[in-house]
PDB file of N, CA and C in Angstrom:
ATOM      1  N   UNK A   1      31.633 -40.407  73.985  1.00  0.00           N
ATOM      2  CA  UNK A   1      31.429 -39.999  72.599  1.00  0.00           C
ATOM      3  C   UNK A   1      32.800 -39.841  71.958  1.00  0.00           C
ATOM      4  N   UNK A   2      33.031 -40.601  70.894  1.00  0.00           N
ATOM      5  CA  UNK A   2      34.279 -40.525  70.149  1.00  0.00           C
ATOM      6  C   UNK A   2      33.954 -40.316  68.678  1.00  0.00           C
ATOM      7  N   UNK A   3      34.834 -39.600  67.989  1.00  0.00           N
ATOM      8  CA  UNK A   3      34.606 -39.404  66.565  1.00  0.00           C
ATOM      9  C   UNK A   3      35.913 -39.543  65.796  1.00  0.00           C
ATOM     10  N   UNK A   4      35.794 -39.908  64.526  1.00  0.00           N
ATOM     11  CA  UNK A   4      36.933 -40.041  63.624  1.00  0.00           C
ATOM     12  C   UNK A   4      36.574 -39.370  62.312  1.00  0.00           C
ATOM     13  N   UNK A   5      37.507 -38.582  61.795  1.00  0.00           N
ATOM     14  CA  UNK A   5      37.370 -38.001  60.467  1.00  0.00           C
ATOM     15  C   UNK A   5      38.375 -38.700  59.565  1.00  0.00           C
ATOM     16  N   UNK A   6      37.901 -39.343  58.527  1.00  0.00           N
ATOM     17  CA  UNK A   6      38.749 -40.047  57.565  1.00  0.00           C
ATOM     18  C   UNK A   6      38.527 -39.369  56.210  1.00  0.00           C
ATOM     19  N   UNK A   7      39.248 -38.287  55.978  1.00  0.00           N
ATOM     20  CA  UNK A   7      39.051 -37.463  54.798  1.00  0.00           C
ATOM     21  C   UNK A   7      40.136 -37.789  53.775  1.00  0.00           C
ATOM     22  N   UNK A   8      39.736 -38.356  52.661  1.00  0.00           N
ATOM     23  CA  UNK A   8      40.665 -38.680  51.586  1.00  0.00           C
ATOM     24  C   UNK A   8      41.248 -37.370  51.057  1.00  0.00           C
ATOM     25  N   UNK A   9      42.574 -37.232  51.006  1.00  0.00           N
ATOM     26  CA  UNK A   9      43.179 -35.991  50.509  1.00  0.00           C
ATOM     27  C   UNK A   9      42.680 -35.592  49.119  1.00  0.00           C
ATOM     28  N   UNK A  10      42.302 -36.563  48.323  1.00  0.00           N
ATOM     29  CA  UNK A  10      41.801 -36.279  46.982  1.00  0.00           C
ATOM     30  C   UNK A  10      40.453 -35.540  47.013  1.00  0.00           C
ATOM     31  N   UNK A  11      39.782 -35.572  48.155  1.00  0.00           N
ATOM     32  CA  UNK A  11      38.466 -34.928  48.258  1.00  0.00           C
ATOM     33  C   UNK A  11      38.508 -33.578  48.962  1.00  0.00           C
ATOM     34  N   UNK A  12      39.658 -33.185  49.481  1.00  0.00           N
ATOM     35  CA  UNK A  12      39.732 -31.965  50.285  1.00  0.00           C
ATOM     36  C   UNK A  12      39.370 -30.704  49.512  1.00  0.00           C
ATOM     37  N   UNK A  13      39.546 -30.693  48.220  1.00  0.00           N
ATOM     38  CA  UNK A  13      39.236 -29.508  47.415  1.00  0.00           C
ATOM     39  C   UNK A  13      37.786 -29.487  46.915  1.00  0.00           C
ATOM     40  N   UNK A  14      37.053 -30.569  47.141  1.00  0.00           N
ATOM     41  CA  UNK A  14      35.687 -30.679  46.631  1.00  0.00           C
ATOM     42  C   UNK A  14      34.712 -30.024  47.610  1.00  0.00           C
ATOM     43  N   UNK A  15      33.870 -29.156  47.091  1.00  0.00           N
ATOM     44  CA  UNK A  15      32.877 -28.476  47.914  1.00  0.00           C
ATOM     45  C   UNK A  15      31.695 -29.407  48.165  1.00  0.00           C
ATOM     46  N   UNK A  16      31.270 -29.480  49.429  1.00  0.00           N
ATOM     47  CA  UNK A  16      30.109 -30.283  49.813  1.00  0.00           C
ATOM     48  C   UNK A  16      29.326 -29.486  50.846  1.00  0.00           C
ATOM     49  N   UNK A  17      28.027 -29.343  50.683  1.00  0.00           N
ATOM     50  CA  UNK A  17      27.232 -28.526  51.616  1.00  0.00           C
ATOM     51  C   UNK A  17      27.252 -29.077  53.046  1.00  0.00           C
ATOM     52  N   UNK A  18      27.832 -28.309  53.959  1.00  0.00           N
ATOM     53  CA  UNK A  18      27.936 -28.731  55.363  1.00  0.00           C
ATOM     54  C   UNK A  18      26.570 -28.968  55.984  1.00  0.00           C
ATOM     55  N   UNK A  19      25.570 -28.238  55.522  1.00  0.00           N
ATOM     56  CA  UNK A  19      24.246 -28.390  56.114  1.00  0.00           C
ATOM     57  C   UNK A  19      23.564 -29.692  55.683  1.00  0.00           C
ATOM     58  N   UNK A  20      24.256 -30.512  54.915  1.00  0.00           N
ATOM     59  CA  UNK A  20      23.763 -31.872  54.674  1.00  0.00           C
ATOM     60  C   UNK A  20      24.332 -32.811  55.735  1.00  0.00           C
ATOM     61  N   UNK A  21      25.550 -32.561  56.165  1.00  0.00           N
ATOM     62  CA  UNK A  21      26.200 -33.423  57.159  1.00  0.00           C
ATOM     63  C   UNK A  21      25.666 -33.160  58.561  1.00  0.00           C
ATOM     64  N   UNK A  22      25.515 -31.907  58.913  1.00  0.00           N
ATOM     65  CA  UNK A  22      25.142 -31.535  60.274  1.00  0.00           C
ATOM     66  C   UNK A  22      23.852 -32.197  60.764  1.00  0.00           C
ATOM     67  N   UNK A  23      22.764 -32.183  60.006  1.00  0.00           N
ATOM     68  CA  UNK A  23      21.547 -32.832  60.536  1.00  0.00           C
ATOM     69  C   UNK A  23      21.678 -34.355  60.644  1.00  0.00           C
ATOM     70  N   UNK A  24      22.524 -34.964  59.813  1.00  0.00           N
ATOM     71  CA  UNK A  24      22.734 -36.414  59.902  1.00  0.00           C
ATOM     72  C   UNK A  24      23.483 -36.738  61.189  1.00  0.00           C
ATOM     73  N   UNK A  25      24.520 -35.956  61.496  1.00  0.00           N
ATOM     74  CA  UNK A  25      25.270 -36.166  62.735  1.00  0.00           C
ATOM     75  C   UNK A  25      24.363 -35.908  63.935  1.00  0.00           C
ATOM     76  N   UNK A  26      23.584 -34.844  63.885  1.00  0.00           N
ATOM     77  CA  UNK A  26      22.625 -34.541  64.962  1.00  0.00           C
ATOM     78  C   UNK A  26      21.659 -35.698  65.187  1.00  0.00           C
ATOM     79  N   UNK A  27      21.135 -36.227  64.090  1.00  0.00           N
ATOM     80  CA  UNK A  27      20.196 -37.342  64.168  1.00  0.00           C
ATOM     81  C   UNK A  27      20.863 -38.578  64.762  1.00  0.00           C
ATOM     82  N   UNK A  28      22.098 -38.845  64.342  1.00  0.00           N
ATOM     83  CA  UNK A  28      22.825 -40.005  64.871  1.00  0.00           C
ATOM     84  C   UNK A  28      23.013 -39.876  66.379  1.00  0.00           C
ATOM     85  N   UNK A  29      23.365 -38.679  66.827  1.00  0.00           N
ATOM     86  CA  UNK A  29      23.544 -38.459  68.260  1.00  0.00           C
ATOM     87  C   UNK A  29      22.220 -38.616  68.996  1.00  0.00           C
ATOM     88  N   UNK A  30      21.179 -37.997  68.485  1.00  0.00           N
ATOM     89  CA  UNK A  30      19.870 -38.056  69.141  1.00  0.00           C
ATOM     90  C   UNK A  30      19.327 -39.485  69.198  1.00  0.00           C
ATOM     91  N   UNK A  31      19.508 -40.244  68.123  1.00  0.00           N
ATOM     92  CA  UNK A  31      18.950 -41.595  68.060  1.00  0.00           C
ATOM     93  C   UNK A  31      19.857 -42.650  68.685  1.00  0.00           C
ATOM     94  N   UNK A  32      21.161 -42.433  68.644  1.00  0.00           N
ATOM     95  CA  UNK A  32      22.075 -43.480  69.068  1.00  0.00           C
ATOM     96  C   UNK A  32      22.664 -43.326  70.440  1.00  0.00           C
ATOM     97  N   UNK A  33      23.048 -42.131  70.797  1.00  0.00           N
ATOM     98  CA  UNK A  33      23.778 -41.919  72.036  1.00  0.00           C
ATOM     99  C   UNK A  33      22.935 -42.221  73.264  1.00  0.00           C
ATOM    100  N   UNK A  34      21.673 -41.841  73.231  1.00  0.00           N
ATOM    101  CA  UNK A  34      20.833 -42.038  74.414  1.00  0.00           C
ATOM    102  C   UNK A  34      20.534 -43.501  74.700  1.00  0.00           C
ATOM    103  N   UNK A  35      20.714 -44.372  73.711  1.00  0.00           N
ATOM    104  CA  UNK A  35      20.416 -45.796  73.899  1.00  0.00           C
ATOM    105  C   UNK A  35      21.669 -46.637  74.072  1.00  0.00           C
ATOM    106  N   UNK A  36      22.830 -46.010  74.237  1.00  0.00           N
ATOM    107  CA  UNK A  36      24.089 -46.731  74.281  1.00  0.00           C
ATOM    108  C   UNK A  36      24.739 -46.563  75.647  1.00  0.00           C
ATOM    109  N   UNK A  37      25.076 -47.669  76.279  1.00  0.00           N
ATOM    110  CA  UNK A  37      25.710 -47.627  77.589  1.00  0.00           C
ATOM    111  C   UNK A  37      27.232 -47.754  77.510  1.00  0.00           C
ATOM    112  N   UNK A  38      27.746 -48.329  76.436  1.00  0.00           N
ATOM    113  CA  UNK A  38      29.174 -48.641  76.333  1.00  0.00           C
ATOM    114  C   UNK A  38      29.961 -47.636  75.508  1.00  0.00           C
ATOM    115  N   UNK A  39      29.516 -46.429  75.425  1.00  0.00           N
ATOM    116  CA  UNK A  39      30.199 -45.451  74.591  1.00  0.00           C
ATOM    117  C   UNK A  39      29.628 -45.469  73.192  1.00  0.00           C
ATOM    118  N   UNK A  40      29.975 -44.481  72.450  1.00  0.00           N
ATOM    119  CA  UNK A  40      29.386 -44.313  71.132  1.00  0.00           C
ATOM    120  C   UNK A  40      30.415 -43.675  70.230  1.00  0.00           C
ATOM    121  N   UNK A  41      30.452 -44.100  68.988  1.00  0.00           N
ATOM    122  CA  UNK A  41      31.422 -43.575  68.042  1.00  0.00           C
ATOM    123  C   UNK A  41      30.730 -43.154  66.757  1.00  0.00           C
ATOM    124  N   UNK A  42      31.322 -42.156  66.113  1.00  0.00           N
ATOM    125  CA  UNK A  42      30.845 -41.743  64.804  1.00  0.00           C
ATOM    126  C   UNK A  42      32.068 -41.554  63.905  1.00  0.00           C
ATOM    127  N   UNK A  43      31.926 -41.972  62.666  1.00  0.00           N
ATOM    128  CA  UNK A  43      32.984 -41.849  61.663  1.00  0.00           C
ATOM    129  C   UNK A  43      32.423 -41.045  60.498  1.00  0.00           C
ATOM    130  N   UNK A  44      33.180 -40.060  60.051  1.00  0.00           N
ATOM    131  CA  UNK A  44      32.836 -39.333  58.833  1.00  0.00           C
ATOM    132  C   UNK A  44      33.973 -39.592  57.856  1.00  0.00           C
ATOM    133  N   UNK A  45      33.637 -40.187  56.722  1.00  0.00           N
ATOM    134  CA  UNK A  45      34.642 -40.595  55.741  1.00  0.00           C
ATOM    135  C   UNK A  45      34.267 -40.032  54.371  1.00  0.00           C
ATOM    136  N   UNK A  46      35.287 -39.564  53.649  1.00  0.00           N
ATOM    137  CA  UNK A  46      35.058 -39.134  52.270  1.00  0.00           C
ATOM    138  C   UNK A  46      35.949 -39.939  51.340  1.00  0.00           C
ATOM    139  N   UNK A  47      35.437 -40.199  50.143  1.00  0.00           N
ATOM    140  CA  UNK A  47      36.186 -40.910  49.105  1.00  0.00           C
ATOM    141  C   UNK A  47      35.737 -40.378  47.758  1.00  0.00           C
ATOM    142  N   UNK A  48      36.651 -40.386  46.815  1.00  0.00           N
ATOM    143  CA  UNK A  48      36.284 -40.040  45.451  1.00  0.00           C
ATOM    144  C   UNK A  48      36.326 -41.328  44.633  1.00  0.00           C
ATOM    145  N   UNK A  49      35.232 -41.593  43.937  1.00  0.00           N
ATOM    146  CA  UNK A  49      35.126 -42.784  43.103  1.00  0.00           C
ATOM    147  C   UNK A  49      34.779 -42.319  41.701  1.00  0.00           C
ATOM    148  N   UNK A  50      35.811 -42.129  40.874  1.00  0.00           N
ATOM    149  CA  UNK A  50      35.589 -41.580  39.542  1.00  0.00           C
ATOM    150  C   UNK A  50      35.107 -40.152  39.665  1.00  0.00           C
ATOM    151  N   UNK A  51      33.930 -39.876  39.129  1.00  0.00           N
ATOM    152  CA  UNK A  51      33.359 -38.527  39.201  1.00  0.00           C
ATOM    153  C   UNK A  51      32.292 -38.406  40.283  1.00  0.00           C
ATOM    154  N   UNK A  52      32.374 -39.300  41.273  1.00  0.00           N
ATOM    155  CA  UNK A  52      31.409 -39.311  42.376  1.00  0.00           C
ATOM    156  C   UNK A  52      32.144 -39.063  43.691  1.00  0.00           C
ATOM    157  N   UNK A  53      31.617 -38.141  44.492  1.00  0.00           N
ATOM    158  CA  UNK A  53      32.083 -37.941  45.853  1.00  0.00           C
ATOM    159  C   UNK A  53      31.188 -38.768  46.759  1.00  0.00           C
ATOM    160  N   UNK A  54      31.808 -39.592  47.586  1.00  0.00           N
ATOM    161  CA  UNK A  54      31.072 -40.425  48.537  1.00  0.00           C
ATOM    162  C   UNK A  54      31.401 -39.927  49.943  1.00  0.00           C
ATOM    163  N   UNK A  55      30.367 -39.546  50.672  1.00  0.00           N
ATOM    164  CA  UNK A  55      30.510 -39.089  52.062  1.00  0.00           C
ATOM    165  C   UNK A  55      29.707 -40.052  52.919  1.00  0.00           C
ATOM    166  N   UNK A  56      30.394 -40.704  53.858  1.00  0.00           N
ATOM    167  CA  UNK A  56      29.741 -41.687  54.728  1.00  0.00           C
ATOM    168  C   UNK A  56      29.785 -41.191  56.169  1.00  0.00           C
ATOM    169  N   UNK A  57      28.644 -41.261  56.822  1.00  0.00           N
ATOM    170  CA  UNK A  57      28.532 -40.929  58.244  1.00  0.00           C
ATOM    171  C   UNK A  57      28.046 -42.201  58.922  1.00  0.00           C
ATOM    172  N   UNK A  58      28.927 -42.786  59.714  1.00  0.00           N
ATOM    173  CA  UNK A  58      28.678 -44.112  60.283  1.00  0.00           C
ATOM    174  C   UNK A  58      28.730 -44.018  61.806  1.00  0.00           C
ATOM    175  N   UNK A  59      27.726 -44.574  62.485  1.00  0.00           N
ATOM    176  CA  UNK A  59      27.729 -44.529  63.944  1.00  0.00           C
ATOM    177  C   UNK A  59      27.559 -45.919  64.532  1.00  0.00           C
ATOM    178  N   UNK A  60      27.847 -46.036  65.818  1.00  0.00           N
ATOM    179  CA  UNK A  60      27.722 -47.315  66.516  1.00  0.00           C
ATOM    180  C   UNK A  60      26.561 -47.302  67.496  1.00  0.00           C
ATOM    181  N   UNK A  61      25.563 -46.491  67.208  1.00  0.00           N
ATOM    182  CA  UNK A  61      24.391 -46.409  68.077  1.00  0.00           C
ATOM    183  C   UNK A  61      23.532 -47.652  67.967  1.00  0.00           C
ATOM    184  N   UNK A  62      22.300 -47.512  68.386  1.00  0.00           N
ATOM    185  CA  UNK A  62      21.393 -48.657  68.421  1.00  0.00           C
ATOM    186  C   UNK A  62      20.921 -49.071  67.034  1.00  0.00           C
ATOM    187  N   UNK A  63      21.058 -48.172  66.056  1.00  0.00           N
ATOM    188  CA  UNK A  63      20.647 -48.514  64.690  1.00  0.00           C
ATOM    189  C   UNK A  63      19.144 -48.526  64.550  1.00  0.00           C
ATOM    190  N   UNK A  64      18.696 -48.567  63.310  1.00  0.00           N
ATOM    191  CA  UNK A  64      17.271 -48.637  63.023  1.00  0.00           C
ATOM    192  C   UNK A  64      17.115 -48.989  61.562  1.00  0.00           C
ATOM    193  N   UNK A  65      15.921 -49.306  61.173  1.00  0.00           N
ATOM    194  CA  UNK A  65      15.679 -49.614  59.771  1.00  0.00           C
ATOM    195  C   UNK A  65      15.577 -48.316  58.987  1.00  0.00           C
ATOM    196  N   UNK A  66      15.711 -48.385  57.674  1.00  0.00           N
ATOM    197  CA  UNK A  66      15.593 -47.176  56.850  1.00  0.00           C
ATOM    198  C   UNK A  66      14.237 -46.528  57.070  1.00  0.00           C
ATOM    199  N   UNK A  67      13.195 -47.334  57.167  1.00  0.00           N
ATOM    200  CA  UNK A  67      11.842 -46.795  57.346  1.00  0.00           C
ATOM    201  C   UNK A  67      11.750 -45.997  58.647  1.00  0.00           C
ATOM    202  N   UNK A  68      12.343 -46.520  59.724  1.00  0.00           N
ATOM    203  CA  UNK A  68      12.318 -45.822  60.995  1.00  0.00           C
ATOM    204  C   UNK A  68      13.228 -44.592  60.976  1.00  0.00           C
ATOM    205  N   UNK A  69      14.297 -44.645  60.195  1.00  0.00           N
ATOM    206  CA  UNK A  69      15.304 -43.600  60.171  1.00  0.00           C
ATOM    207  C   UNK A  69      14.820 -42.334  59.490  1.00  0.00           C
ATOM    208  N   UNK A  70      13.971 -42.457  58.493  1.00  0.00           N
ATOM    209  CA  UNK A  70      13.562 -41.298  57.715  1.00  0.00           C
ATOM    210  C   UNK A  70      12.533 -40.486  58.495  1.00  0.00           C
ATOM    211  N   UNK A  71      13.044 -39.718  59.435  1.00  0.00           N
ATOM    212  CA  UNK A  71      12.208 -38.753  60.127  1.00  0.00           C
ATOM    213  C   UNK A  71      12.214 -37.462  59.323  1.00  0.00           C
ATOM    214  N   UNK A  72      11.609 -36.448  59.858  1.00  0.00           N
ATOM    215  CA  UNK A  72      11.523 -35.161  59.161  1.00  0.00           C
ATOM    216  C   UNK A  72      12.903 -34.615  58.830  1.00  0.00           C
ATOM    217  N   UNK A  73      13.820 -34.702  59.773  1.00  0.00           N
ATOM    218  CA  UNK A  73      15.165 -34.165  59.576  1.00  0.00           C
ATOM    219  C   UNK A  73      15.849 -34.822  58.379  1.00  0.00           C
ATOM    220  N   UNK A  74      15.841 -36.156  58.339  1.00  0.00           N
ATOM    221  CA  UNK A  74      16.532 -36.853  57.246  1.00  0.00           C
ATOM    222  C   UNK A  74      15.754 -36.791  55.938  1.00  0.00           C
ATOM    223  N   UNK A  75      14.454 -36.684  56.027  1.00  0.00           N
ATOM    224  CA  UNK A  75      13.659 -36.501  54.814  1.00  0.00           C
ATOM    225  C   UNK A  75      14.010 -35.169  54.155  1.00  0.00           C
ATOM    226  N   UNK A  76      14.201 -34.124  54.970  1.00  0.00           N
ATOM    227  CA  UNK A  76      14.617 -32.829  54.441  1.00  0.00           C
ATOM    228  C   UNK A  76      15.997 -32.915  53.788  1.00  0.00           C
ATOM    229  N   UNK A  77      16.902 -33.654  54.413  1.00  0.00           N
ATOM    230  CA  UNK A  77      18.241 -33.830  53.842  1.00  0.00           C
ATOM    231  C   UNK A  77      18.133 -34.544  52.504  1.00  0.00           C
ATOM    232  N   UNK A  78      17.334 -35.579  52.444  1.00  0.00           N
ATOM    233  CA  UNK A  78      17.156 -36.338  51.203  1.00  0.00           C
ATOM    234  C   UNK A  78      16.631 -35.432  50.084  1.00  0.00           C
ATOM    235  N   UNK A  79      15.671 -34.579  50.407  1.00  0.00           N
ATOM    236  CA  UNK A  79      15.115 -33.646  49.417  1.00  0.00           C
ATOM    237  C   UNK A  79      16.150 -32.613  48.985  1.00  0.00           C
ATOM    238  N   UNK A  80      16.973 -32.129  49.931  1.00  0.00           N
ATOM    239  CA  UNK A  80      18.016 -31.160  49.591  1.00  0.00           C
ATOM    240  C   UNK A  80      19.064 -31.772  48.668  1.00  0.00           C
ATOM    241  N   UNK A  81      19.440 -33.019  48.918  1.00  0.00           N
ATOM    242  CA  UNK A  81      20.413 -33.699  48.054  1.00  0.00           C
ATOM    243  C   UNK A  81      19.866 -33.763  46.630  1.00  0.00           C
ATOM    244  N   UNK A  82      18.628 -34.152  46.515  1.00  0.00           N
ATOM    245  CA  UNK A  82      18.002 -34.264  45.194  1.00  0.00           C
ATOM    246  C   UNK A  82      17.990 -32.903  44.503  1.00  0.00           C
ATOM    247  N   UNK A  83      17.624 -31.863  45.235  1.00  0.00           N
ATOM    248  CA  UNK A  83      17.519 -30.521  44.668  1.00  0.00           C
ATOM    249  C   UNK A  83      18.884 -29.914  44.338  1.00  0.00           C
ATOM    250  N   UNK A  84      19.826 -29.989  45.266  1.00  0.00           N
ATOM    251  CA  UNK A  84      21.139 -29.369  45.079  1.00  0.00           C
ATOM    252  C   UNK A  84      21.941 -29.980  43.935  1.00  0.00           C
ATOM    253  N   UNK A  85      21.701 -31.254  43.681  1.00  0.00           N
ATOM    254  CA  UNK A  85      22.496 -31.949  42.668  1.00  0.00           C
ATOM    255  C   UNK A  85      21.644 -32.343  41.465  1.00  0.00           C
ATOM    256  N   UNK A  86      20.589 -31.573  41.223  1.00  0.00           N
ATOM    257  CA  UNK A  86      19.727 -31.754  40.041  1.00  0.00           C
ATOM    258  C   UNK A  86      19.282 -33.201  39.836  1.00  0.00           C
ATOM    259  N   UNK A  87      18.921 -33.861  40.916  1.00  0.00           N
ATOM    260  CA  UNK A  87      18.425 -35.228  40.836  1.00  0.00           C
ATOM    261  C   UNK A  87      19.515 -36.275  40.685  1.00  0.00           C
ATOM    262  N   UNK A  88      20.793 -35.855  40.623  1.00  0.00           N
ATOM    263  CA  UNK A  88      21.893 -36.801  40.436  1.00  0.00           C
ATOM    264  C   UNK A  88      22.523 -37.248  41.754  1.00  0.00           C
ATOM    265  N   UNK A  89      22.200 -36.556  42.851  1.00  0.00           N
ATOM    266  CA  UNK A  89      22.712 -36.947  44.155  1.00  0.00           C
ATOM    267  C   UNK A  89      21.870 -38.054  44.756  1.00  0.00           C
ATOM    268  N   UNK A  90      22.529 -38.909  45.524  1.00  0.00           N
ATOM    269  CA  UNK A  90      21.837 -40.030  46.161  1.00  0.00           C
ATOM    270  C   UNK A  90      22.193 -40.068  47.640  1.00  0.00           C
ATOM    271  N   UNK A  91      21.291 -40.638  48.429  1.00  0.00           N
ATOM    272  CA  UNK A  91      21.540 -40.873  49.845  1.00  0.00           C
ATOM    273  C   UNK A  91      21.040 -42.276  50.163  1.00  0.00           C
ATOM    274  N   UNK A  92      21.877 -43.044  50.864  1.00  0.00           N
ATOM    275  CA  UNK A  92      21.563 -44.433  51.210  1.00  0.00           C
ATOM    276  C   UNK A  92      21.664 -44.609  52.726  1.00  0.00           C
ATOM    277  N   UNK A  93      20.960 -45.606  53.235  1.00  0.00           N
ATOM    278  CA  UNK A  93      21.012 -45.960  54.639  1.00  0.00           C
ATOM    279  C   UNK A  93      21.363 -47.438  54.730  1.00  0.00           C
ATOM    280  N   UNK A  94      22.390 -47.768  55.532  1.00  0.00           N
ATOM    281  CA  UNK A  94      22.817 -49.161  55.687  1.00  0.00           C
ATOM    282  C   UNK A  94      23.043 -49.455  57.163  1.00  0.00           C
ATOM    283  N   UNK A  95      22.775 -50.697  57.553  1.00  0.00           N
ATOM    284  CA  UNK A  95      23.048 -51.134  58.923  1.00  0.00           C
ATOM    285  C   UNK A  95      24.541 -51.391  59.088  1.00  0.00           C
ATOM    286  N   UNK A  96      25.041 -51.152  60.303  1.00  0.00           N
ATOM    287  CA  UNK A  96      26.424 -51.440  60.673  1.00  0.00           C
ATOM    288  C   UNK A  96      26.427 -52.583  61.681  1.00  0.00           C
ATOM    289  N   UNK A  97      26.596 -53.799  61.248  1.00  0.00           N
ATOM    290  CA  UNK A  97      26.651 -54.867  62.239  1.00  0.00           C
ATOM    291  C   UNK A  97      27.857 -54.674  63.169  1.00  0.00           C
ATOM    292  N   UNK A  98      27.766 -54.851  64.450  1.00  0.00           N
ATOM    293  CA  UNK A  98      26.616 -55.374  65.169  1.00  0.00           C
ATOM    294  C   UNK A  98      25.590 -54.306  65.542  1.00  0.00           C
ATOM    295  N   UNK A  99      25.969 -53.014  65.444  1.00  0.00           N
ATOM    296  CA  UNK A  99      24.982 -51.986  65.767  1.00  0.00           C
ATOM    297  C   UNK A  99      25.318 -50.703  65.029  1.00  0.00           C
ATOM    298  N   UNK A 100      24.327 -49.865  64.872  1.00  0.00           N
ATOM    299  CA  UNK A 100      24.545 -48.565  64.258  1.00  0.00           C
ATOM    300  C   UNK A 100      23.997 -48.467  62.853  1.00  0.00           C
ATOM    301  N   UNK A 101      24.228 -47.322  62.268  1.00  0.00           N
ATOM    302  CA  UNK A 101      23.688 -47.011  60.961  1.00  0.00           C
ATOM    303  C   UNK A 101      24.694 -46.188  60.182  1.00  0.00           C
ATOM    304  N   UNK A 102      24.749 -46.396  58.861  1.00  0.00           N
ATOM    305  CA  UNK A 102      25.545 -45.561  57.968  1.00  0.00           C
ATOM    306  C   UNK A 102      24.596 -44.776  57.080  1.00  0.00           C
ATOM    307  N   UNK A 103      24.882 -43.500  56.937  1.00  0.00           N
ATOM    308  CA  UNK A 103      24.188 -42.659  55.974  1.00  0.00           C
ATOM    309  C   UNK A 103      25.236 -42.291  54.935  1.00  0.00           C
ATOM    310  N   UNK A 104      24.957 -42.612  53.689  1.00  0.00           N
ATOM    311  CA  UNK A 104      25.944 -42.457  52.624  1.00  0.00           C
ATOM    312  C   UNK A 104      25.396 -41.535  51.545  1.00  0.00           C
ATOM    313  N   UNK A 105      26.160 -40.505  51.259  1.00  0.00           N
ATOM    314  CA  UNK A 105      25.850 -39.586  50.169  1.00  0.00           C
ATOM    315  C   UNK A 105      26.730 -39.955  48.987  1.00  0.00           C
ATOM    316  N   UNK A 106      26.161 -39.960  47.803  1.00  0.00           N
ATOM    317  CA  UNK A 106      26.941 -40.078  46.577  1.00  0.00           C
ATOM    318  C   UNK A 106      26.472 -38.953  45.668  1.00  0.00           C
ATOM    319  N   UNK A 107      27.405 -38.030  45.377  1.00  0.00           N
ATOM    320  CA  UNK A 107      27.052 -36.851  44.585  1.00  0.00           C
ATOM    321  C   UNK A 107      28.093 -36.634  43.494  1.00  0.00           C
ATOM    322  N   UNK A 108      27.668 -36.046  42.377  1.00  0.00           N
ATOM    323  CA  UNK A 108      28.626 -35.784  41.303  1.00  0.00           C
ATOM    324  C   UNK A 108      29.651 -34.721  41.711  1.00  0.00           C
ATOM    325  N   UNK A 109      30.874 -34.920  41.262  1.00  0.00           N
ATOM    326  CA  UNK A 109      31.936 -33.947  41.524  1.00  0.00           C
ATOM    327  C   UNK A 109      32.863 -33.910  40.301  1.00  0.00           C
ATOM    328  N   UNK A 110      32.649 -32.961  39.427  1.00  0.00           N
ATOM    329  CA  UNK A 110      33.445 -32.740  38.229  1.00  0.00           C
ATOM    330  C   UNK A 110      34.508 -33.631  37.939  1.00  0.00           C
TER     331      UNK A 110
END
């Protein structure tokens, strides 16, 4: 298990609810690590794009489709993003070729 934090210095002062990241990382470990024989990596990256904070959690696990990925844990995260950011926050799921999944948050940041 290896991890990388790629935190853009421009985002270090921006507040982001940790309890949105934690269940995504937990889910990535639960879904990806047990199916991987060659090691497993996770990347947490932040970027500021205009007035949007982008937080990406990317893993090299076995991956899955968005439909398969939205279990109870991630469905709760999706609902919290919508609620915490007054409907302006977004969460996306993308495949990481050759394997793995990215969960991407885009939320307003003054």
